[in-house]
């Protein structure tokens, strides 16, 4: 189990060095640092531009806890439990590297042309895009519309074939439930067309 650290540990260390009589070891233990690093902060060799962060005003420590540890250098500071732990991002949001973001409109155009049964929400989830961008590509109102060429998002590396197949299956099942005909799957593009 990892030790809980205060929010902004170096800034907290700066504040504790400036405002308390705690030992470097006590501050280092609280902030997850080495005592020599805390000493370097105190000497002005490290963290010169960092503004101190008050852990008492921000509800991480109490003044009584600091006073208790100032009285005995062998004691260690204990952080207050956080009432609202920071919510961790769920793993289902999709990050697209900057170099591949220019390919998103091409992938959107491909999905709109070859898989019209896919809903906007499915395309958003599949490619990590926005409904606004999908609408602009559909309406040919995208800033780069003249240069958009429908290209397979799997080949572009924007989604996996498994994810695409699963999204298409879900969309097809929805169409069948609603009593609509399922579109034919697209023909594979030949290399000569490229």
C-alpha atoms as a PDB file:
ATOM      1  CA  UNK A   1       0.000   0.000   0.000  1.00  0.00           C
ATOM      2  CA  UNK A   2       1.380   3.417  -0.895  1.00  0.00           C
ATOM      3  CA  UNK A   3       1.691   6.122   1.700  1.00  0.00           C
ATOM      4  CA  UNK A   4      -0.752   9.013   1.397  1.00  0.00           C
ATOM      5  CA  UNK A   5       0.997  12.225   0.459  1.00  0.00           C
ATOM      6  CA  UNK A   6      -0.281  15.758   0.862  1.00  0.00           C
ATOM      7  CA  UNK A   7      -1.565  17.609  -2.142  1.00  0.00           C
ATOM      8  CA  UNK A   8       1.409  19.319  -3.866  1.00  0.00           C
ATOM      9  CA  UNK A   9       4.131  17.761  -1.677  1.00  0.00           C
ATOM     10  CA  UNK A  10       6.992  20.138  -2.605  1.00  0.00           C
ATOM     11  CA  UNK A  11       4.855  23.238  -2.087  1.00  0.00           C
ATOM     12  CA  UNK A  12       3.695  21.786   1.234  1.00  0.00           C
ATOM     13  CA  UNK A  13       7.338  21.159   2.201  1.00  0.00           C
ATOM     14  CA  UNK A  14       8.196  24.782   1.329  1.00  0.00           C
ATOM     15  CA  UNK A  15       5.393  26.034   3.580  1.00  0.00           C
ATOM     16  CA  UNK A  16       6.345  23.702   6.469  1.00  0.00           C
ATOM     17  CA  UNK A  17      10.007  24.763   6.247  1.00  0.00           C
ATOM     18  CA  UNK A  18       9.085  28.462   6.301  1.00  0.00           C
ATOM     19  CA  UNK A  19       6.285  28.393   8.897  1.00  0.00           C
ATOM     20  CA  UNK A  20       7.096  25.598  11.365  1.00  0.00           C
ATOM     21  CA  UNK A  21       9.905  24.275  13.534  1.00  0.00           C
ATOM     22  CA  UNK A  22       9.565  20.697  12.257  1.00  0.00           C
ATOM     23  CA  UNK A  23      12.707  18.711  11.483  1.00  0.00           C
ATOM     24  CA  UNK A  24      13.746  17.981   7.916  1.00  0.00           C
ATOM     25  CA  UNK A  25      13.101  14.283   8.605  1.00  0.00           C
ATOM     26  CA  UNK A  26       9.521  14.959   9.764  1.00  0.00           C
ATOM     27  CA  UNK A  27       8.784  17.100   6.703  1.00  0.00           C
ATOM     28  CA  UNK A  28      10.447  14.563   4.388  1.00  0.00           C
ATOM     29  CA  UNK A  29       8.400  11.723   5.875  1.00  0.00           C
ATOM     30  CA  UNK A  30       5.127  13.608   5.401  1.00  0.00           C
ATOM     31  CA  UNK A  31       5.908  14.777   1.865  1.00  0.00           C
ATOM     32  CA  UNK A  32       7.456  11.544   0.579  1.00  0.00           C
ATOM     33  CA  UNK A  33      10.862  13.113   0.049  1.00  0.00           C
ATOM     34  CA  UNK A  34      14.409  12.473   1.192  1.00  0.00           C
ATOM     35  CA  UNK A  35      15.592  14.589   4.159  1.00  0.00           C
ATOM     36  CA  UNK A  36      18.481  15.918   2.022  1.00  0.00           C
ATOM     37  CA  UNK A  37      15.969  17.135  -0.568  1.00  0.00           C
ATOM     38  CA  UNK A  38      14.085  18.988   2.175  1.00  0.00           C
ATOM     39  CA  UNK A  39      17.387  20.467   3.364  1.00  0.00           C
ATOM     40  CA  UNK A  40      18.148  21.579  -0.220  1.00  0.00           C
ATOM     41  CA  UNK A  41      14.744  23.317  -0.327  1.00  0.00           C
ATOM     42  CA  UNK A  42      15.550  25.045   2.976  1.00  0.00           C
ATOM     43  CA  UNK A  43      18.950  26.131   1.639  1.00  0.00           C
ATOM     44  CA  UNK A  44      17.299  27.587  -1.473  1.00  0.00           C
ATOM     45  CA  UNK A  45      19.036  25.184  -3.853  1.00  0.00           C
ATOM     46  CA  UNK A  46      15.797  23.456  -4.934  1.00  0.00           C
ATOM     47  CA  UNK A  47      12.205  24.652  -5.470  1.00  0.00           C
ATOM     48  CA  UNK A  48      13.110  28.337  -5.569  1.00  0.00           C
ATOM     49  CA  UNK A  49      10.053  29.334  -7.604  1.00  0.00           C
ATOM     50  CA  UNK A  50       7.542  27.202  -5.693  1.00  0.00           C
ATOM     51  CA  UNK A  51       5.039  29.063  -3.555  1.00  0.00           C
ATOM     52  CA  UNK A  52       4.296  27.406  -0.220  1.00  0.00           C
ATOM     53  CA  UNK A  53       1.008  25.508   0.091  1.00  0.00           C
ATOM     54  CA  UNK A  54      -0.648  25.745   3.515  1.00  0.00           C
ATOM     55  CA  UNK A  55      -1.801  22.235   4.546  1.00  0.00           C
ATOM     56  CA  UNK A  56      -3.669  23.614   7.595  1.00  0.00           C
ATOM     57  CA  UNK A  57      -5.798  26.062   5.600  1.00  0.00           C
ATOM     58  CA  UNK A  58      -6.516  23.322   3.060  1.00  0.00           C
ATOM     59  CA  UNK A  59      -7.667  20.753   5.611  1.00  0.00           C
ATOM     60  CA  UNK A  60      -4.784  18.290   5.307  1.00  0.00           C
ATOM     61  CA  UNK A  61      -3.215  18.910   8.724  1.00  0.00           C
ATOM     62  CA  UNK A  62      -4.279  20.586  11.960  1.00  0.00           C
ATOM     63  CA  UNK A  63      -2.272  23.207  13.820  1.00  0.00           C
ATOM     64  CA  UNK A  64      -2.451  20.907  16.864  1.00  0.00           C
ATOM     65  CA  UNK A  65      -0.833  18.072  14.877  1.00  0.00           C
ATOM     66  CA  UNK A  66       2.007  20.377  13.817  1.00  0.00           C
ATOM     67  CA  UNK A  67       2.492  21.617  17.400  1.00  0.00           C
ATOM     68  CA  UNK A  68       2.501  18.017  18.702  1.00  0.00           C
ATOM     69  CA  UNK A  69       5.272  17.049  16.271  1.00  0.00           C
ATOM     70  CA  UNK A  70       7.260  20.248  16.843  1.00  0.00           C
ATOM     71  CA  UNK A  71       7.438  19.294  20.553  1.00  0.00           C
ATOM     72  CA  UNK A  72       8.946  15.863  19.835  1.00  0.00           C
ATOM     73  CA  UNK A  73      11.226  15.336  16.782  1.00  0.00           C
ATOM     74  CA  UNK A  74      10.619  11.557  16.939  1.00  0.00           C
ATOM     75  CA  UNK A  75       6.892  11.912  16.175  1.00  0.00           C
ATOM     76  CA  UNK A  76       5.566  11.848  12.600  1.00  0.00           C
ATOM     77  CA  UNK A  77       2.811  14.005  11.149  1.00  0.00           C
ATOM     78  CA  UNK A  78      -0.445  12.308  10.228  1.00  0.00           C
ATOM     79  CA  UNK A  79      -2.619  13.685   7.432  1.00  0.00           C
ATOM     80  CA  UNK A  80      -6.317  14.158   8.072  1.00  0.00           C
ATOM     81  CA  UNK A  81      -8.503  11.738   6.115  1.00  0.00           C
ATOM     82  CA  UNK A  82      -9.829  13.350   2.972  1.00  0.00           C
ATOM     83  CA  UNK A  83     -13.625  13.661   3.021  1.00  0.00           C
ATOM     84  CA  UNK A  84     -13.884  13.698  -0.781  1.00  0.00           C
ATOM     85  CA  UNK A  85     -11.206  11.520  -2.327  1.00  0.00           C
ATOM     86  CA  UNK A  86     -10.177  12.592  -5.793  1.00  0.00           C
ATOM     87  CA  UNK A  87     -12.198  10.665  -8.346  1.00  0.00           C
ATOM     88  CA  UNK A  88      -9.928   8.695 -10.627  1.00  0.00           C
ATOM     89  CA  UNK A  89     -10.661   8.810 -14.335  1.00  0.00           C
ATOM     90  CA  UNK A  90     -12.266   5.675 -15.611  1.00  0.00           C
ATOM     91  CA  UNK A  91     -10.274   3.764 -18.157  1.00  0.00           C
ATOM     92  CA  UNK A  92     -12.857   4.036 -20.918  1.00  0.00           C
ATOM     93  CA  UNK A  93     -12.015   7.519 -22.120  1.00  0.00           C
ATOM     94  CA  UNK A  94      -9.963   7.322 -25.267  1.00  0.00           C
ATOM     95  CA  UNK A  95      -6.826   9.419 -25.732  1.00  0.00           C
ATOM     96  CA  UNK A  96      -5.700  10.049 -29.289  1.00  0.00           C
ATOM     97  CA  UNK A  97      -2.130  11.246 -29.855  1.00  0.00           C
ATOM     98  CA  UNK A  98      -1.833  14.686 -31.440  1.00  0.00           C
ATOM     99  CA  UNK A  99      -0.276  13.251 -34.600  1.00  0.00           C
ATOM    100  CA  UNK A 100      -3.349  11.070 -35.221  1.00  0.00           C
ATOM    101  CA  UNK A 101      -6.014  13.690 -34.450  1.00  0.00           C
ATOM    102  CA  UNK A 102      -5.826  15.040 -37.988  1.00  0.00           C
ATOM    103  CA  UNK A 103      -6.959  11.566 -39.163  1.00  0.00           C
ATOM    104  CA  UNK A 104     -10.177  11.604 -37.114  1.00  0.00           C
ATOM    105  CA  UNK A 105     -12.333  13.372 -39.748  1.00  0.00           C
ATOM    106  CA  UNK A 106     -11.201  10.790 -42.340  1.00  0.00           C
ATOM    107  CA  UNK A 107     -12.223   7.984 -39.974  1.00  0.00           C
ATOM    108  CA  UNK A 108     -15.560   9.682 -39.242  1.00  0.00           C
ATOM    109  CA  UNK A 109     -16.263  10.009 -42.977  1.00  0.00           C
ATOM    110  CA  UNK A 110     -15.417   6.306 -43.436  1.00  0.00           C
ATOM    111  CA  UNK A 111     -17.780   5.221 -40.655  1.00  0.00           C
ATOM    112  CA  UNK A 112     -20.594   7.483 -41.889  1.00  0.00           C
ATOM    113  CA  UNK A 113     -20.252   6.110 -45.435  1.00  0.00           C
ATOM    114  CA  UNK A 114     -19.700   2.413 -44.662  1.00  0.00           C
ATOM    115  CA  UNK A 115     -21.609   1.953 -41.397  1.00  0.00           C
ATOM    116  CA  UNK A 116     -24.631   4.292 -41.504  1.00  0.00           C
ATOM    117  CA  UNK A 117     -26.276   2.205 -38.789  1.00  0.00           C
ATOM    118  CA  UNK A 118     -23.757   3.445 -36.197  1.00  0.00           C
ATOM    119  CA  UNK A 119     -25.156   6.141 -33.941  1.00  0.00           C
ATOM    120  CA  UNK A 120     -23.265   9.321 -33.094  1.00  0.00           C
ATOM    121  CA  UNK A 121     -22.708   8.138 -29.530  1.00  0.00           C
ATOM    122  CA  UNK A 122     -21.079   4.946 -30.830  1.00  0.00           C
ATOM    123  CA  UNK A 123     -18.771   6.899 -33.145  1.00  0.00           C
ATOM    124  CA  UNK A 124     -17.878   9.278 -30.297  1.00  0.00           C
ATOM    125  CA  UNK A 125     -16.925   6.331 -28.084  1.00  0.00           C
ATOM    126  CA  UNK A 126     -15.121   4.473 -30.868  1.00  0.00           C
ATOM    127  CA  UNK A 127     -12.957   7.362 -32.102  1.00  0.00           C
ATOM    128  CA  UNK A 128     -12.796   9.640 -29.067  1.00  0.00           C
ATOM    129  CA  UNK A 129     -14.354  12.541 -30.985  1.00  0.00           C
ATOM    130  CA  UNK A 130     -17.312  14.877 -30.428  1.00  0.00           C
ATOM    131  CA  UNK A 131     -20.829  14.933 -31.824  1.00  0.00           C
ATOM    132  CA  UNK A 132     -20.112  18.420 -33.172  1.00  0.00           C
ATOM    133  CA  UNK A 133     -17.188  17.135 -35.249  1.00  0.00           C
ATOM    134  CA  UNK A 134     -19.300  14.246 -36.572  1.00  0.00           C
ATOM    135  CA  UNK A 135     -22.046  16.666 -37.607  1.00  0.00           C
ATOM    136  CA  UNK A 136     -19.551  18.962 -39.352  1.00  0.00           C
ATOM    137  CA  UNK A 137     -18.055  16.045 -41.297  1.00  0.00           C
ATOM    138  CA  UNK A 138     -21.559  14.814 -42.213  1.00  0.00           C
ATOM    139  CA  UNK A 139     -22.630  18.305 -43.394  1.00  0.00           C
ATOM    140  CA  UNK A 140     -19.281  18.941 -45.117  1.00  0.00           C
ATOM    141  CA  UNK A 141     -18.904  22.009 -42.897  1.00  0.00           C
ATOM    142  CA  UNK A 142     -15.625  20.846 -41.347  1.00  0.00           C
ATOM    143  CA  UNK A 143     -12.760  23.333 -41.794  1.00  0.00           C
ATOM    144  CA  UNK A 144     -10.789  20.704 -43.722  1.00  0.00           C
ATOM    145  CA  UNK A 145     -13.697  19.270 -45.767  1.00  0.00           C
ATOM    146  CA  UNK A 146     -11.979  19.486 -49.178  1.00  0.00           C
ATOM    147  CA  UNK A 147      -9.156  17.258 -47.909  1.00  0.00           C
ATOM    148  CA  UNK A 148     -11.218  14.643 -46.025  1.00  0.00           C
ATOM    149  CA  UNK A 149     -10.878  11.195 -47.590  1.00  0.00           C
ATOM    150  CA  UNK A 150     -12.769   8.315 -45.953  1.00  0.00           C
ATOM    151  CA  UNK A 151     -10.154   6.013 -44.421  1.00  0.00           C
ATOM    152  CA  UNK A 152     -10.559   2.966 -42.206  1.00  0.00           C
ATOM    153  CA  UNK A 153     -10.100   3.928 -38.513  1.00  0.00           C
ATOM    154  CA  UNK A 154      -8.566   0.510 -37.790  1.00  0.00           C
ATOM    155  CA  UNK A 155      -5.816   1.098 -40.350  1.00  0.00           C
ATOM    156  CA  UNK A 156      -5.327   4.640 -38.996  1.00  0.00           C
ATOM    157  CA  UNK A 157      -4.891   3.182 -35.498  1.00  0.00           C
ATOM    158  CA  UNK A 158      -7.817   5.110 -33.993  1.00  0.00           C
ATOM    159  CA  UNK A 159      -9.706   1.999 -32.851  1.00  0.00           C
ATOM    160  CA  UNK A 160      -9.317  -1.759 -32.897  1.00  0.00           C
ATOM    161  CA  UNK A 161     -11.119  -4.079 -35.298  1.00  0.00           C
ATOM    162  CA  UNK A 162     -12.678  -5.811 -32.286  1.00  0.00           C
ATOM    163  CA  UNK A 163     -14.159  -2.533 -30.998  1.00  0.00           C
ATOM    164  CA  UNK A 164     -15.448  -1.636 -34.478  1.00  0.00           C
ATOM    165  CA  UNK A 165     -17.022  -5.070 -34.954  1.00  0.00           C
ATOM    166  CA  UNK A 166     -18.668  -4.893 -31.530  1.00  0.00           C
ATOM    167  CA  UNK A 167     -20.125  -1.432 -32.260  1.00  0.00           C
ATOM    168  CA  UNK A 168     -21.462  -2.583 -35.650  1.00  0.00           C
ATOM    169  CA  UNK A 169     -22.994  -5.706 -34.074  1.00  0.00           C
ATOM    170  CA  UNK A 170     -24.772  -3.616 -31.435  1.00  0.00           C
ATOM    171  CA  UNK A 171     -26.047  -1.207 -34.101  1.00  0.00           C
ATOM    172  CA  UNK A 172     -27.262  -4.090 -36.288  1.00  0.00           C
ATOM    173  CA  UNK A 173     -29.078  -5.701 -33.346  1.00  0.00           C
ATOM    174  CA  UNK A 174     -30.776  -2.368 -32.649  1.00  0.00           C
ATOM    175  CA  UNK A 175     -31.916  -2.125 -36.290  1.00  0.00           C
ATOM    176  CA  UNK A 176     -33.303  -5.684 -36.178  1.00  0.00           C
ATOM    177  CA  UNK A 177     -35.206  -4.911 -32.937  1.00  0.00           C
ATOM    178  CA  UNK A 178     -36.671  -1.795 -34.574  1.00  0.00           C
ATOM    179  CA  UNK A 179     -37.673  -3.808 -37.668  1.00  0.00           C
ATOM    180  CA  UNK A 180     -35.276  -2.128 -40.129  1.00  0.00           C
ATOM    181  CA  UNK A 181     -33.102  -3.832 -42.713  1.00  0.00           C
ATOM    182  CA  UNK A 182     -29.462  -4.296 -41.832  1.00  0.00           C
ATOM    183  CA  UNK A 183     -27.121  -2.692 -44.415  1.00  0.00           C
ATOM    184  CA  UNK A 184     -24.698  -4.907 -46.296  1.00  0.00           C
ATOM    185  CA  UNK A 185     -21.139  -4.871 -44.927  1.00  0.00           C
ATOM    186  CA  UNK A 186     -18.753  -2.717 -46.981  1.00  0.00           C
ATOM    187  CA  UNK A 187     -16.551  -4.329 -49.591  1.00  0.00           C
ATOM    188  CA  UNK A 188     -12.862  -4.314 -48.674  1.00  0.00           C
ATOM    189  CA  UNK A 189     -11.007  -1.549 -50.451  1.00  0.00           C
ATOM    190  CA  UNK A 190      -8.301  -2.662 -52.858  1.00  0.00           C
ATOM    191  CA  UNK A 191      -4.762  -1.343 -52.625  1.00  0.00           C
ATOM    192  CA  UNK A 192      -4.947  -0.113 -56.223  1.00  0.00           C
ATOM    193  CA  UNK A 193      -7.523   2.566 -55.283  1.00  0.00           C
ATOM    194  CA  UNK A 194      -5.078   4.202 -52.903  1.00  0.00           C
END
